[in-house]
């Protein structure tokens, strides 16, 4: 049953086969993404409302020298 019928072949050609991006990323890219996510999660935790988001953004900008 290793041979595929026309329907199965057509299915492979036409339908999308989604893959998780982490399956295609290198270890360095994956680590960089996770490192970025940690900072973003910290920002989201501090910025629960619009007002808090502005205050957190100002603090980040001042820390960066702006």
C-alpha atoms as a PDB file:
ATOM      1  CA  UNK A   1       0.000   0.000   0.000  1.00  0.00           C
ATOM      2  CA  UNK A   2       3.018   2.259  -0.485  1.00  0.00           C
ATOM      3  CA  UNK A   3       1.651   3.578  -3.776  1.00  0.00           C
ATOM      4  CA  UNK A   4      -0.646   6.557  -3.547  1.00  0.00           C
ATOM      5  CA  UNK A   5      -3.784   6.893  -5.568  1.00  0.00           C
ATOM      6  CA  UNK A   6      -4.569  10.001  -7.616  1.00  0.00           C
ATOM      7  CA  UNK A   7      -6.578  11.565  -4.807  1.00  0.00           C
ATOM      8  CA  UNK A   8      -3.768  11.229  -2.284  1.00  0.00           C
ATOM      9  CA  UNK A   9      -1.227  12.634  -4.750  1.00  0.00           C
ATOM     10  CA  UNK A  10      -3.489  15.565  -5.537  1.00  0.00           C
ATOM     11  CA  UNK A  11      -4.042  16.156  -1.837  1.00  0.00           C
ATOM     12  CA  UNK A  12      -0.283  16.378  -1.219  1.00  0.00           C
ATOM     13  CA  UNK A  13       0.135  18.829  -4.092  1.00  0.00           C
ATOM     14  CA  UNK A  14      -2.789  21.115  -3.319  1.00  0.00           C
ATOM     15  CA  UNK A  15      -3.294  21.149   0.430  1.00  0.00           C
ATOM     16  CA  UNK A  16      -1.136  23.093   2.804  1.00  0.00           C
ATOM     17  CA  UNK A  17       0.988  21.102   5.211  1.00  0.00           C
ATOM     18  CA  UNK A  18       1.613  23.551   8.069  1.00  0.00           C
ATOM     19  CA  UNK A  19       4.792  23.145  10.074  1.00  0.00           C
ATOM     20  CA  UNK A  20       5.716  24.651  13.380  1.00  0.00           C
ATOM     21  CA  UNK A  21       8.297  27.384  12.823  1.00  0.00           C
ATOM     22  CA  UNK A  22      10.472  25.980  15.598  1.00  0.00           C
ATOM     23  CA  UNK A  23      11.038  22.894  13.443  1.00  0.00           C
ATOM     24  CA  UNK A  24      12.804  25.007  10.803  1.00  0.00           C
ATOM     25  CA  UNK A  25      14.733  27.451  13.018  1.00  0.00           C
ATOM     26  CA  UNK A  26      18.369  27.051  14.001  1.00  0.00           C
ATOM     27  CA  UNK A  27      19.302  26.788  17.675  1.00  0.00           C
ATOM     28  CA  UNK A  28      20.644  30.382  17.664  1.00  0.00           C
ATOM     29  CA  UNK A  29      17.440  31.740  16.123  1.00  0.00           C
ATOM     30  CA  UNK A  30      15.338  29.788  18.587  1.00  0.00           C
ATOM     31  CA  UNK A  31      17.345  31.073  21.561  1.00  0.00           C
ATOM     32  CA  UNK A  32      17.102  34.664  20.270  1.00  0.00           C
ATOM     33  CA  UNK A  33      13.334  34.298  19.878  1.00  0.00           C
ATOM     34  CA  UNK A  34      12.932  32.914  23.394  1.00  0.00           C
ATOM     35  CA  UNK A  35      15.142  35.682  24.817  1.00  0.00           C
ATOM     36  CA  UNK A  36      13.011  38.302  23.053  1.00  0.00           C
ATOM     37  CA  UNK A  37       9.841  36.656  24.336  1.00  0.00           C
ATOM     38  CA  UNK A  38      11.019  36.834  27.940  1.00  0.00           C
ATOM     39  CA  UNK A  39      11.463  40.605  27.696  1.00  0.00           C
ATOM     40  CA  UNK A  40       8.125  40.944  25.947  1.00  0.00           C
ATOM     41  CA  UNK A  41       6.381  38.873  28.625  1.00  0.00           C
ATOM     42  CA  UNK A  42       7.926  41.124  31.283  1.00  0.00           C
ATOM     43  CA  UNK A  43       6.616  44.191  29.438  1.00  0.00           C
ATOM     44  CA  UNK A  44       3.134  42.686  29.100  1.00  0.00           C
ATOM     45  CA  UNK A  45       3.111  41.805  32.788  1.00  0.00           C
ATOM     46  CA  UNK A  46       3.984  45.407  33.712  1.00  0.00           C
ATOM     47  CA  UNK A  47       1.600  46.956  31.179  1.00  0.00           C
ATOM     48  CA  UNK A  48      -1.850  45.646  32.046  1.00  0.00           C
ATOM     49  CA  UNK A  49      -3.607  48.872  31.004  1.00  0.00           C
ATOM     50  CA  UNK A  50      -2.924  51.566  28.412  1.00  0.00           C
ATOM     51  CA  UNK A  51      -1.663  53.907  31.134  1.00  0.00           C
ATOM     52  CA  UNK A  52       0.723  51.281  32.500  1.00  0.00           C
ATOM     53  CA  UNK A  53       1.885  50.494  28.953  1.00  0.00           C
ATOM     54  CA  UNK A  54       2.812  54.141  28.388  1.00  0.00           C
ATOM     55  CA  UNK A  55       4.666  54.290  31.703  1.00  0.00           C
ATOM     56  CA  UNK A  56       6.512  51.050  30.929  1.00  0.00           C
ATOM     57  CA  UNK A  57       7.413  52.289  27.444  1.00  0.00           C
ATOM     58  CA  UNK A  58       8.727  55.573  28.856  1.00  0.00           C
ATOM     59  CA  UNK A  59      10.833  53.661  31.388  1.00  0.00           C
ATOM     60  CA  UNK A  60      12.274  51.454  28.637  1.00  0.00           C
ATOM     61  CA  UNK A  61      13.032  54.463  26.436  1.00  0.00           C
ATOM     62  CA  UNK A  62      14.719  56.344  29.276  1.00  0.00           C
ATOM     63  CA  UNK A  63      16.781  53.258  30.088  1.00  0.00           C
ATOM     64  CA  UNK A  64      17.857  53.135  26.417  1.00  0.00           C
ATOM     65  CA  UNK A  65      18.990  56.772  26.563  1.00  0.00           C
ATOM     66  CA  UNK A  66      16.097  58.570  24.940  1.00  0.00           C
END
